[in-house]
């Protein structure tokens, strides 16, 4: 049986772990509520739909408001499905579901960095760094001469960087605080502070 929860990234710090001073990320995991149970007959797969983050009804569309009202839970801002997870409608899910686990998979939207050149976006080496070169951070020639005489699709160029849904696996758990719904993991995870996280085990 899989386990999961929705949370948000609080920030990064450093902690002692296994006699070492390591970077760590603090996450507020839950509390969440199960607003719907997914069945194979109705949905084609089994699982639950979790809701996280209370909000005013005016900020949520009517279908999602109706789902929360039918489940008898507060109006929740974020709803996500977790396949293979078990539970009943209205059940509260907190960080204790992750207690005892050592490795997690976390999904979030990475930080947006705006329009960036090829050196920062794709780690291009750049042009010559001496003899009066003025093309240090330029992309250079992108054509293919006479044959095939066009620019290949997906050619790496300048453009929008970041804001991608990113999944990181093998995240090590350092500590779980059930009373405060806090989760401390080793290293960094995608997204900035207050980023919405999907945590699976």
N, C-alpha and C. Protein backbone atom coordinates (compact mmCIF):
# COMPACT_ATOMS: atom_id res chain seq x y z
N UNK A 1 0.84 -1.20 0.00
CA UNK A 1 0.00 0.00 0.00
C UNK A 1 0.87 1.25 0.00
N UNK A 2 0.61 2.16 -0.95
CA UNK A 2 1.39 3.38 -1.02
C UNK A 2 0.85 4.41 -0.01
N UNK A 3 1.68 5.37 0.30
CA UNK A 3 1.31 6.43 1.23
C UNK A 3 1.67 7.77 0.61
N UNK A 4 0.93 8.80 0.99
CA UNK A 4 1.22 10.11 0.45
C UNK A 4 0.54 11.19 1.25
N UNK A 5 0.98 12.43 1.01
CA UNK A 5 0.43 13.59 1.70
C UNK A 5 0.80 14.83 0.91
N UNK A 6 0.03 15.89 1.09
CA UNK A 6 0.31 17.18 0.46
C UNK A 6 0.87 18.11 1.52
N UNK A 7 1.81 18.95 1.14
CA UNK A 7 2.40 19.89 2.08
C UNK A 7 2.98 21.09 1.38
N UNK A 8 3.71 21.90 2.12
CA UNK A 8 4.38 23.06 1.53
C UNK A 8 5.79 23.19 2.11
N UNK A 9 6.65 23.75 1.30
CA UNK A 9 8.05 23.93 1.70
C UNK A 9 8.17 25.17 2.57
N UNK A 10 8.73 25.00 3.76
CA UNK A 10 8.93 26.12 4.67
C UNK A 10 10.26 26.81 4.40
N UNK A 11 11.31 26.03 4.23
CA UNK A 11 12.62 26.62 3.96
C UNK A 11 13.73 25.63 4.24
N UNK A 12 14.97 26.10 4.09
CA UNK A 12 16.13 25.23 4.29
C UNK A 12 16.91 25.64 5.53
N UNK A 13 17.62 24.67 6.09
CA UNK A 13 18.44 24.90 7.27
C UNK A 13 19.56 23.86 7.27
N UNK A 14 20.27 23.77 8.36
CA UNK A 14 21.31 22.76 8.52
C UNK A 14 21.12 22.06 9.85
N UNK A 15 21.29 20.75 9.87
CA UNK A 15 21.09 19.96 11.09
C UNK A 15 22.19 18.91 11.20
N UNK A 16 22.35 18.41 12.41
CA UNK A 16 23.27 17.29 12.62
C UNK A 16 22.53 16.00 12.34
N UNK A 17 23.12 15.17 11.48
CA UNK A 17 22.50 13.89 11.13
C UNK A 17 23.61 12.87 10.91
N UNK A 18 23.56 11.81 11.70
CA UNK A 18 24.56 10.75 11.61
C UNK A 18 25.98 11.32 11.75
N UNK A 19 26.14 12.16 12.80
CA UNK A 19 27.44 12.77 13.15
C UNK A 19 27.98 13.67 12.05
N UNK A 20 27.10 14.20 11.21
CA UNK A 20 27.52 15.13 10.18
C UNK A 20 26.58 16.34 10.16
N UNK A 21 27.11 17.49 9.76
CA UNK A 21 26.33 18.71 9.61
C UNK A 21 25.87 18.77 8.16
N UNK A 22 24.60 18.53 7.93
CA UNK A 22 24.09 18.38 6.56
C UNK A 22 23.00 19.41 6.27
N UNK A 23 22.86 19.82 5.00
CA UNK A 23 21.74 20.70 4.63
C UNK A 23 20.43 19.94 4.69
N UNK A 24 19.37 20.64 5.09
CA UNK A 24 18.07 19.98 5.24
C UNK A 24 16.96 20.95 4.84
N UNK A 25 15.82 20.38 4.47
CA UNK A 25 14.64 21.16 4.11
C UNK A 25 13.52 20.84 5.08
N UNK A 26 12.87 21.88 5.58
CA UNK A 26 11.75 21.72 6.52
C UNK A 26 10.45 21.84 5.72
N UNK A 27 9.55 20.88 5.91
CA UNK A 27 8.29 20.81 5.17
C UNK A 27 7.13 20.74 6.16
N UNK A 28 6.10 21.52 5.88
CA UNK A 28 4.86 21.36 6.63
C UNK A 28 3.99 20.38 5.86
N UNK A 29 3.86 19.16 6.36
CA UNK A 29 3.14 18.08 5.68
C UNK A 29 1.78 17.91 6.32
N UNK A 30 0.73 18.37 5.62
CA UNK A 30 -0.62 18.23 6.14
C UNK A 30 -0.95 19.32 7.14
N UNK A 31 -2.07 19.17 7.86
CA UNK A 31 -3.00 18.04 7.78
C UNK A 31 -3.87 18.08 6.52
N UNK A 32 -4.20 16.90 6.00
CA UNK A 32 -5.03 16.76 4.82
C UNK A 32 -6.30 15.99 5.19
N UNK A 33 -7.26 16.05 4.28
CA UNK A 33 -8.51 15.30 4.47
C UNK A 33 -8.80 14.50 3.20
N UNK A 34 -9.31 13.30 3.38
CA UNK A 34 -9.73 12.49 2.23
C UNK A 34 -11.12 12.96 1.81
N UNK A 35 -11.21 13.51 0.59
CA UNK A 35 -12.49 14.05 0.11
C UNK A 35 -13.20 13.07 -0.81
N UNK A 36 -12.49 12.05 -1.30
CA UNK A 36 -13.14 11.08 -2.18
C UNK A 36 -12.30 9.81 -2.21
N UNK A 37 -12.97 8.68 -2.36
CA UNK A 37 -12.30 7.38 -2.50
C UNK A 37 -12.49 6.91 -3.94
N UNK A 38 -11.39 6.62 -4.61
CA UNK A 38 -11.42 6.20 -6.01
C UNK A 38 -11.51 4.68 -6.10
N UNK A 39 -12.41 4.18 -6.91
CA UNK A 39 -12.60 2.74 -7.06
C UNK A 39 -12.33 2.32 -8.50
N UNK A 40 -12.02 1.04 -8.66
CA UNK A 40 -11.72 0.52 -9.98
C UNK A 40 -12.96 0.53 -10.87
N UNK A 41 -14.13 0.31 -10.29
CA UNK A 41 -15.35 0.29 -11.08
C UNK A 41 -15.71 1.68 -11.61
N UNK A 42 -15.50 2.70 -10.79
CA UNK A 42 -15.92 4.06 -11.17
C UNK A 42 -14.81 4.85 -11.84
N UNK A 43 -13.56 4.68 -11.37
CA UNK A 43 -12.46 5.49 -11.87
C UNK A 43 -11.44 4.72 -12.71
N UNK A 44 -11.48 3.40 -12.64
CA UNK A 44 -10.51 2.61 -13.39
C UNK A 44 -9.27 2.27 -12.59
N UNK A 45 -9.14 2.82 -11.40
CA UNK A 45 -8.00 2.52 -10.52
C UNK A 45 -8.43 2.84 -9.10
N UNK A 46 -7.67 2.34 -8.15
CA UNK A 46 -8.01 2.54 -6.74
C UNK A 46 -7.09 3.58 -6.13
N UNK A 47 -7.62 4.33 -5.19
CA UNK A 47 -6.84 5.35 -4.51
C UNK A 47 -7.75 6.29 -3.75
N UNK A 48 -7.20 7.44 -3.35
CA UNK A 48 -7.97 8.45 -2.64
C UNK A 48 -7.62 9.82 -3.22
N UNK A 49 -8.52 10.78 -2.96
CA UNK A 49 -8.27 12.16 -3.34
C UNK A 49 -8.11 12.97 -2.06
N UNK A 50 -6.93 13.56 -1.89
CA UNK A 50 -6.64 14.34 -0.68
C UNK A 50 -6.84 15.82 -0.94
N UNK A 51 -7.28 16.53 0.10
CA UNK A 51 -7.41 17.98 0.05
C UNK A 51 -6.53 18.62 1.10
N UNK A 52 -5.94 19.79 0.75
CA UNK A 52 -5.01 20.46 1.68
C UNK A 52 -5.19 21.97 1.58
N UNK A 53 -5.09 22.64 2.71
CA UNK A 53 -5.09 24.10 2.74
C UNK A 53 -6.49 24.69 2.75
N UNK A 54 -6.98 25.08 3.91
CA UNK A 54 -8.30 25.68 3.98
C UNK A 54 -8.31 27.05 3.31
N UNK A 55 -9.43 27.37 2.66
CA UNK A 55 -9.58 28.64 1.96
C UNK A 55 -11.04 29.04 1.93
N UNK A 56 -11.29 30.32 1.63
CA UNK A 56 -12.66 30.79 1.49
C UNK A 56 -13.32 30.14 0.28
N UNK A 57 -14.61 29.92 0.37
CA UNK A 57 -15.33 29.28 -0.73
C UNK A 57 -15.28 30.12 -2.00
N UNK A 58 -15.11 31.45 -1.86
CA UNK A 58 -15.07 32.33 -3.04
C UNK A 58 -13.81 32.11 -3.87
N UNK A 59 -12.77 31.50 -3.28
CA UNK A 59 -11.53 31.26 -4.00
C UNK A 59 -11.53 29.91 -4.72
N UNK A 60 -12.52 29.07 -4.45
CA UNK A 60 -12.56 27.72 -5.00
C UNK A 60 -13.74 27.62 -5.97
N UNK A 61 -13.56 26.88 -7.07
CA UNK A 61 -14.67 26.73 -8.01
C UNK A 61 -15.76 25.84 -7.41
N UNK A 62 -16.94 25.91 -7.99
CA UNK A 62 -18.11 25.23 -7.42
C UNK A 62 -17.98 23.70 -7.39
N UNK A 63 -17.43 23.05 -8.44
CA UNK A 63 -17.29 21.60 -8.36
C UNK A 63 -16.41 21.13 -7.20
N UNK A 64 -15.28 21.82 -6.97
CA UNK A 64 -14.40 21.43 -5.87
C UNK A 64 -15.04 21.75 -4.52
N UNK A 65 -15.78 22.87 -4.46
CA UNK A 65 -16.50 23.19 -3.23
C UNK A 65 -17.52 22.11 -2.90
N UNK A 66 -18.22 21.62 -3.95
CA UNK A 66 -19.20 20.57 -3.74
C UNK A 66 -18.59 19.27 -3.27
N UNK A 67 -17.39 18.94 -3.78
CA UNK A 67 -16.70 17.72 -3.35
C UNK A 67 -16.38 17.79 -1.86
N UNK A 68 -15.87 18.95 -1.42
CA UNK A 68 -15.53 19.10 0.00
C UNK A 68 -16.79 19.08 0.88
N UNK A 69 -17.86 19.72 0.40
CA UNK A 69 -19.10 19.76 1.17
C UNK A 69 -19.70 18.37 1.31
N UNK A 70 -19.65 17.60 0.23
CA UNK A 70 -20.19 16.24 0.27
C UNK A 70 -19.39 15.34 1.22
N UNK A 71 -18.07 15.58 1.30
CA UNK A 71 -17.23 14.78 2.19
C UNK A 71 -17.33 15.22 3.64
N UNK A 72 -17.95 16.39 3.88
CA UNK A 72 -18.09 16.87 5.25
C UNK A 72 -16.80 17.42 5.83
N UNK A 73 -15.96 18.02 4.98
CA UNK A 73 -14.68 18.59 5.42
C UNK A 73 -14.67 20.07 5.07
N UNK A 74 -13.73 20.85 5.65
CA UNK A 74 -13.64 22.27 5.29
C UNK A 74 -13.34 22.46 3.80
N UNK A 75 -13.61 23.67 3.30
CA UNK A 75 -13.31 23.98 1.90
C UNK A 75 -11.79 24.01 1.73
N UNK A 76 -11.28 23.12 0.89
CA UNK A 76 -9.83 22.93 0.74
C UNK A 76 -9.37 23.46 -0.62
N UNK A 77 -8.23 24.11 -0.62
CA UNK A 77 -7.74 24.80 -1.82
C UNK A 77 -7.10 23.86 -2.83
N UNK A 78 -6.36 22.85 -2.36
CA UNK A 78 -5.60 21.97 -3.25
C UNK A 78 -6.12 20.54 -3.13
N UNK A 79 -6.47 19.93 -4.27
CA UNK A 79 -6.93 18.55 -4.31
C UNK A 79 -6.02 17.75 -5.22
N UNK A 80 -5.55 16.59 -4.75
CA UNK A 80 -4.68 15.72 -5.54
C UNK A 80 -5.04 14.26 -5.30
N UNK A 81 -4.85 13.46 -6.34
CA UNK A 81 -5.14 12.03 -6.25
C UNK A 81 -3.86 11.26 -5.89
N UNK A 82 -4.05 10.23 -5.07
CA UNK A 82 -2.95 9.34 -4.69
C UNK A 82 -3.40 7.91 -4.97
N UNK A 83 -2.83 7.32 -6.00
CA UNK A 83 -3.21 5.95 -6.37
C UNK A 83 -2.62 4.94 -5.39
N UNK A 84 -3.39 3.89 -5.14
CA UNK A 84 -2.92 2.82 -4.27
C UNK A 84 -3.00 3.12 -2.79
N UNK A 85 -3.52 4.28 -2.44
CA UNK A 85 -3.63 4.66 -1.03
C UNK A 85 -5.03 4.33 -0.54
N UNK A 86 -5.15 3.92 0.72
CA UNK A 86 -6.44 3.52 1.28
C UNK A 86 -6.89 4.51 2.34
N UNK A 87 -8.21 4.56 2.54
CA UNK A 87 -8.78 5.43 3.55
C UNK A 87 -10.27 5.58 3.33
N UNK A 88 -10.91 6.38 4.19
CA UNK A 88 -12.34 6.61 4.09
C UNK A 88 -12.61 8.10 3.95
N UNK A 89 -13.75 8.44 3.37
CA UNK A 89 -14.10 9.84 3.14
C UNK A 89 -14.23 10.59 4.47
N UNK A 90 -13.60 11.75 4.54
CA UNK A 90 -13.63 12.55 5.75
C UNK A 90 -12.49 12.28 6.70
N UNK A 91 -11.70 11.24 6.42
CA UNK A 91 -10.60 10.88 7.31
C UNK A 91 -9.49 11.92 7.24
N UNK A 92 -8.93 12.25 8.40
CA UNK A 92 -7.83 13.21 8.48
C UNK A 92 -6.51 12.48 8.30
N UNK A 93 -5.65 13.03 7.46
CA UNK A 93 -4.33 12.44 7.20
C UNK A 93 -3.27 13.45 7.61
N UNK A 94 -2.42 13.07 8.56
CA UNK A 94 -1.34 13.97 8.98
C UNK A 94 0.01 13.33 8.70
N UNK A 95 1.06 13.97 9.17
CA UNK A 95 2.41 13.54 8.84
C UNK A 95 2.77 12.20 9.48
N UNK A 96 1.93 11.70 10.39
CA UNK A 96 2.21 10.42 11.02
C UNK A 96 2.20 9.26 10.02
N UNK A 97 1.54 9.44 8.85
CA UNK A 97 1.53 8.37 7.84
C UNK A 97 2.93 8.13 7.29
N UNK A 98 3.82 9.12 7.43
CA UNK A 98 5.19 8.98 6.93
C UNK A 98 6.16 8.55 8.01
N UNK A 99 5.67 8.42 9.25
CA UNK A 99 6.54 8.04 10.36
C UNK A 99 7.08 6.63 10.14
N UNK A 100 8.39 6.47 10.27
CA UNK A 100 9.03 5.18 10.07
C UNK A 100 9.58 4.98 8.68
N UNK A 101 9.23 5.85 7.74
CA UNK A 101 9.76 5.74 6.38
C UNK A 101 11.13 6.41 6.28
N UNK A 102 11.96 5.91 5.41
CA UNK A 102 13.33 6.43 5.27
C UNK A 102 13.55 7.18 3.96
N UNK A 103 12.79 6.83 2.92
CA UNK A 103 13.00 7.43 1.60
C UNK A 103 11.65 7.89 1.04
N UNK A 104 11.64 9.10 0.44
CA UNK A 104 10.42 9.67 -0.12
C UNK A 104 10.65 10.14 -1.55
N UNK A 105 9.54 10.34 -2.26
CA UNK A 105 9.56 10.95 -3.59
C UNK A 105 8.74 12.22 -3.52
N UNK A 106 9.32 13.36 -3.92
CA UNK A 106 8.68 14.66 -3.78
C UNK A 106 8.56 15.33 -5.14
N UNK A 107 7.36 15.86 -5.43
CA UNK A 107 7.09 16.55 -6.68
C UNK A 107 6.67 17.98 -6.39
N UNK A 108 7.23 18.93 -7.16
CA UNK A 108 6.88 20.34 -6.99
C UNK A 108 7.22 21.08 -8.28
N UNK A 109 6.77 22.32 -8.37
CA UNK A 109 7.10 23.17 -9.51
C UNK A 109 8.39 23.92 -9.18
N UNK A 110 9.40 23.77 -10.05
CA UNK A 110 10.70 24.39 -9.79
C UNK A 110 10.62 25.91 -9.86
N UNK A 111 11.61 26.57 -9.33
CA UNK A 111 11.65 28.03 -9.31
C UNK A 111 11.71 28.57 -10.74
N UNK A 112 10.95 29.62 -10.99
CA UNK A 112 11.00 30.29 -12.29
C UNK A 112 12.15 31.29 -12.32
N UNK A 113 12.94 31.26 -13.39
CA UNK A 113 14.09 32.15 -13.51
C UNK A 113 13.99 33.10 -14.70
N UNK A 114 12.78 33.14 -15.33
CA UNK A 114 12.58 34.09 -16.41
C UNK A 114 13.30 33.71 -17.69
N UNK A 115 13.52 34.71 -18.55
CA UNK A 115 14.19 34.50 -19.84
C UNK A 115 15.69 34.49 -19.62
N UNK A 116 16.35 33.37 -19.99
CA UNK A 116 17.79 33.22 -19.77
C UNK A 116 18.47 32.81 -21.07
N UNK A 117 19.74 33.17 -21.16
CA UNK A 117 20.55 32.81 -22.33
C UNK A 117 21.01 31.37 -22.29
N UNK A 118 21.66 30.89 -23.36
CA UNK A 118 22.06 29.48 -23.44
C UNK A 118 23.15 29.09 -22.45
N UNK A 119 23.97 30.04 -22.03
CA UNK A 119 25.05 29.70 -21.10
C UNK A 119 24.48 29.31 -19.75
N UNK A 120 23.50 30.07 -19.25
CA UNK A 120 22.90 29.74 -17.96
C UNK A 120 21.87 28.63 -18.11
N UNK A 121 21.09 28.65 -19.20
CA UNK A 121 19.98 27.70 -19.35
C UNK A 121 20.46 26.30 -19.69
N UNK A 122 21.47 26.19 -20.56
CA UNK A 122 21.92 24.88 -21.04
C UNK A 122 23.40 24.63 -20.76
N UNK A 123 24.06 25.53 -20.05
CA UNK A 123 25.48 25.37 -19.66
C UNK A 123 26.40 25.33 -20.88
N UNK A 124 26.12 26.17 -21.86
CA UNK A 124 27.04 26.30 -23.01
C UNK A 124 28.38 26.83 -22.52
N UNK A 125 29.44 26.45 -23.22
CA UNK A 125 30.78 26.88 -22.83
C UNK A 125 31.04 28.34 -23.20
N UNK A 126 30.32 28.87 -24.18
CA UNK A 126 30.57 30.25 -24.63
C UNK A 126 31.67 30.29 -25.68
N UNK A 127 31.95 31.48 -26.20
CA UNK A 127 32.95 31.64 -27.25
C UNK A 127 34.33 31.85 -26.64
N UNK A 128 35.26 32.25 -27.49
CA UNK A 128 36.64 32.50 -27.05
C UNK A 128 36.67 33.60 -26.00
N UNK A 129 37.56 33.45 -25.05
CA UNK A 129 37.63 34.40 -23.95
C UNK A 129 38.83 35.33 -24.07
N UNK A 130 39.38 35.46 -25.27
CA UNK A 130 40.53 36.35 -25.48
C UNK A 130 40.51 36.84 -26.92
N UNK A 131 41.51 37.61 -27.29
CA UNK A 131 41.68 38.14 -28.65
C UNK A 131 40.49 38.98 -29.08
N UNK A 132 39.90 39.72 -28.14
CA UNK A 132 38.86 40.67 -28.50
C UNK A 132 37.52 40.07 -28.84
N UNK A 133 37.25 38.86 -28.43
CA UNK A 133 35.96 38.24 -28.72
C UNK A 133 34.84 38.94 -27.97
N UNK A 134 33.72 39.18 -28.67
CA UNK A 134 32.57 39.83 -28.06
C UNK A 134 31.36 38.89 -27.98
N UNK A 135 31.60 37.61 -28.18
CA UNK A 135 30.48 36.66 -28.18
C UNK A 135 30.53 35.68 -27.04
N UNK A 136 31.02 36.12 -25.86
CA UNK A 136 31.28 35.18 -24.76
C UNK A 136 30.04 34.37 -24.38
N UNK A 137 28.87 35.00 -24.32
CA UNK A 137 27.67 34.31 -23.86
C UNK A 137 26.64 34.14 -24.97
N UNK A 138 27.06 34.22 -26.22
CA UNK A 138 26.14 34.04 -27.34
C UNK A 138 25.97 32.56 -27.68
N UNK A 139 24.88 32.27 -28.40
CA UNK A 139 24.59 30.89 -28.74
C UNK A 139 25.44 30.39 -29.91
N UNK A 140 25.89 31.29 -30.77
CA UNK A 140 26.68 30.87 -31.93
C UNK A 140 25.79 30.47 -33.09
N UNK A 141 26.38 29.87 -34.11
CA UNK A 141 25.62 29.47 -35.29
C UNK A 141 24.67 28.32 -34.96
N UNK A 142 23.45 28.39 -35.50
CA UNK A 142 22.46 27.35 -35.24
C UNK A 142 22.07 26.61 -36.52
N UNK A 143 22.54 27.06 -37.68
CA UNK A 143 22.19 26.42 -38.94
C UNK A 143 23.05 25.20 -39.22
N UNK A 144 22.71 24.48 -40.29
CA UNK A 144 23.44 23.26 -40.65
C UNK A 144 23.96 23.34 -42.09
N UNK A 145 24.36 24.53 -42.53
CA UNK A 145 24.90 24.74 -43.88
C UNK A 145 23.91 24.28 -44.95
N UNK A 146 24.41 23.71 -46.02
CA UNK A 146 23.53 23.37 -47.14
C UNK A 146 22.65 22.16 -46.84
N UNK A 147 23.21 21.17 -46.12
CA UNK A 147 22.47 19.96 -45.81
C UNK A 147 22.39 19.78 -44.29
N UNK A 148 21.22 19.70 -43.69
CA UNK A 148 19.90 19.73 -44.31
C UNK A 148 19.36 21.13 -44.57
N UNK A 149 20.13 22.15 -44.25
CA UNK A 149 19.70 23.50 -44.58
C UNK A 149 18.59 24.04 -43.70
N UNK A 150 18.50 23.58 -42.48
CA UNK A 150 17.47 24.05 -41.57
C UNK A 150 17.95 23.88 -40.13
N UNK A 151 17.22 24.46 -39.21
CA UNK A 151 17.53 24.31 -37.79
C UNK A 151 16.74 23.12 -37.25
N UNK A 152 17.44 22.21 -36.60
CA UNK A 152 16.78 21.02 -36.06
C UNK A 152 15.78 21.41 -34.97
N UNK A 153 14.71 20.63 -34.85
CA UNK A 153 13.76 20.83 -33.77
C UNK A 153 14.41 20.55 -32.42
N UNK A 154 13.90 21.22 -31.39
CA UNK A 154 14.41 21.07 -30.02
C UNK A 154 15.85 21.53 -29.87
N UNK A 155 16.31 22.39 -30.78
CA UNK A 155 17.67 22.92 -30.65
C UNK A 155 17.76 23.79 -29.40
N UNK A 156 18.78 23.62 -28.62
CA UNK A 156 18.92 24.34 -27.35
C UNK A 156 19.27 25.80 -27.63
N UNK A 157 18.39 26.68 -27.16
CA UNK A 157 18.58 28.11 -27.37
C UNK A 157 18.13 28.86 -26.12
N UNK A 158 18.21 30.19 -26.18
CA UNK A 158 17.74 31.01 -25.07
C UNK A 158 16.23 30.89 -24.95
N UNK A 159 15.71 31.08 -23.74
CA UNK A 159 14.26 31.00 -23.55
C UNK A 159 13.90 31.00 -22.08
N UNK A 160 12.63 30.68 -21.82
CA UNK A 160 12.13 30.67 -20.45
C UNK A 160 12.75 29.51 -19.68
N UNK A 161 13.20 29.80 -18.47
CA UNK A 161 13.89 28.80 -17.65
C UNK A 161 13.14 28.61 -16.33
N UNK A 162 12.95 27.36 -15.94
CA UNK A 162 12.28 27.06 -14.68
C UNK A 162 10.79 26.89 -14.84
N UNK A 163 10.07 26.84 -13.72
CA UNK A 163 8.61 26.66 -13.69
C UNK A 163 8.20 25.33 -14.32
N UNK A 164 8.99 24.27 -14.08
CA UNK A 164 8.66 22.94 -14.58
C UNK A 164 8.25 22.04 -13.41
N UNK A 165 7.31 21.14 -13.65
CA UNK A 165 6.96 20.14 -12.64
C UNK A 165 8.12 19.17 -12.52
N UNK A 166 8.73 19.13 -11.37
CA UNK A 166 9.95 18.36 -11.14
C UNK A 166 9.75 17.34 -10.04
N UNK A 167 10.17 16.11 -10.29
CA UNK A 167 10.07 15.04 -9.30
C UNK A 167 11.46 14.59 -8.90
N UNK A 168 11.70 14.55 -7.60
CA UNK A 168 12.99 14.11 -7.06
C UNK A 168 12.76 12.85 -6.24
N UNK A 169 13.51 11.80 -6.54
CA UNK A 169 13.36 10.54 -5.82
C UNK A 169 14.54 10.33 -4.87
N UNK A 170 14.36 9.40 -3.95
CA UNK A 170 15.45 9.06 -3.03
C UNK A 170 15.73 10.12 -1.98
N UNK A 171 14.71 10.91 -1.61
CA UNK A 171 14.90 11.94 -0.58
C UNK A 171 14.90 11.27 0.80
N UNK A 172 15.97 11.47 1.54
CA UNK A 172 16.12 10.84 2.85
C UNK A 172 15.41 11.61 3.95
N UNK A 173 14.68 10.90 4.80
CA UNK A 173 13.96 11.51 5.92
C UNK A 173 14.90 11.61 7.12
N UNK A 174 14.98 12.81 7.70
CA UNK A 174 15.80 13.02 8.89
C UNK A 174 14.95 12.96 10.16
N UNK A 175 13.80 13.65 10.15
CA UNK A 175 12.96 13.67 11.35
C UNK A 175 11.52 13.91 10.97
N UNK A 176 10.59 13.42 11.81
CA UNK A 176 9.16 13.63 11.65
C UNK A 176 8.60 14.13 12.98
N UNK A 177 7.98 15.33 12.97
CA UNK A 177 7.37 15.90 14.16
C UNK A 177 5.85 15.85 13.98
N UNK A 178 5.22 14.85 14.63
CA UNK A 178 3.78 14.64 14.44
C UNK A 178 2.97 15.76 15.08
N UNK A 179 3.41 16.29 16.20
CA UNK A 179 2.65 17.33 16.90
C UNK A 179 2.54 18.60 16.08
N UNK A 180 3.62 18.98 15.40
CA UNK A 180 3.63 20.23 14.62
C UNK A 180 3.44 19.99 13.11
N UNK A 181 3.24 18.72 12.72
CA UNK A 181 3.09 18.37 11.30
C UNK A 181 4.28 18.83 10.47
N UNK A 182 5.47 18.61 11.01
CA UNK A 182 6.69 19.01 10.32
C UNK A 182 7.47 17.78 9.87
N UNK A 183 8.09 17.92 8.71
CA UNK A 183 8.91 16.86 8.14
C UNK A 183 10.24 17.47 7.74
N UNK A 184 11.33 16.86 8.17
CA UNK A 184 12.67 17.35 7.84
C UNK A 184 13.35 16.31 6.94
N UNK A 185 13.77 16.74 5.76
CA UNK A 185 14.42 15.83 4.82
C UNK A 185 15.81 16.33 4.50
N UNK A 186 16.65 15.42 4.05
CA UNK A 186 18.04 15.75 3.75
C UNK A 186 18.16 16.39 2.37
N UNK A 187 18.93 17.47 2.28
CA UNK A 187 19.19 18.11 1.00
C UNK A 187 18.09 19.07 0.59
N UNK A 188 18.12 19.45 -0.68
CA UNK A 188 17.16 20.41 -1.21
C UNK A 188 16.08 19.71 -2.02
N UNK A 189 14.97 20.40 -2.22
CA UNK A 189 13.87 19.90 -3.03
C UNK A 189 13.43 21.04 -3.96
N UNK A 190 12.70 20.71 -5.04
CA UNK A 190 12.31 21.76 -5.99
C UNK A 190 11.38 22.80 -5.37
N UNK A 191 11.37 23.99 -5.97
CA UNK A 191 10.45 25.04 -5.57
C UNK A 191 11.02 25.99 -4.54
N UNK A 192 10.40 27.15 -4.45
CA UNK A 192 10.79 28.15 -3.45
C UNK A 192 10.03 27.94 -2.16
N UNK A 193 10.20 28.87 -1.23
CA UNK A 193 9.47 28.79 0.03
C UNK A 193 7.98 28.89 -0.22
N UNK A 194 7.21 28.13 0.53
CA UNK A 194 5.75 28.04 0.43
C UNK A 194 5.28 27.33 -0.84
N UNK A 195 6.19 26.66 -1.54
CA UNK A 195 5.80 25.90 -2.73
C UNK A 195 4.98 24.69 -2.33
N UNK A 196 3.96 24.36 -3.15
CA UNK A 196 3.12 23.21 -2.87
C UNK A 196 3.86 21.92 -3.24
N UNK A 197 3.84 20.93 -2.35
CA UNK A 197 4.58 19.70 -2.54
C UNK A 197 3.64 18.50 -2.53
N UNK A 198 3.93 17.54 -3.37
CA UNK A 198 3.26 16.25 -3.34
C UNK A 198 4.27 15.23 -2.86
N UNK A 199 4.03 14.63 -1.71
CA UNK A 199 4.98 13.72 -1.07
C UNK A 199 4.43 12.31 -1.14
N UNK A 200 5.22 11.40 -1.72
CA UNK A 200 4.79 10.01 -1.84
C UNK A 200 5.86 9.08 -1.29
N UNK A 201 5.42 7.90 -0.89
CA UNK A 201 6.34 6.89 -0.38
C UNK A 201 6.11 5.59 -1.14
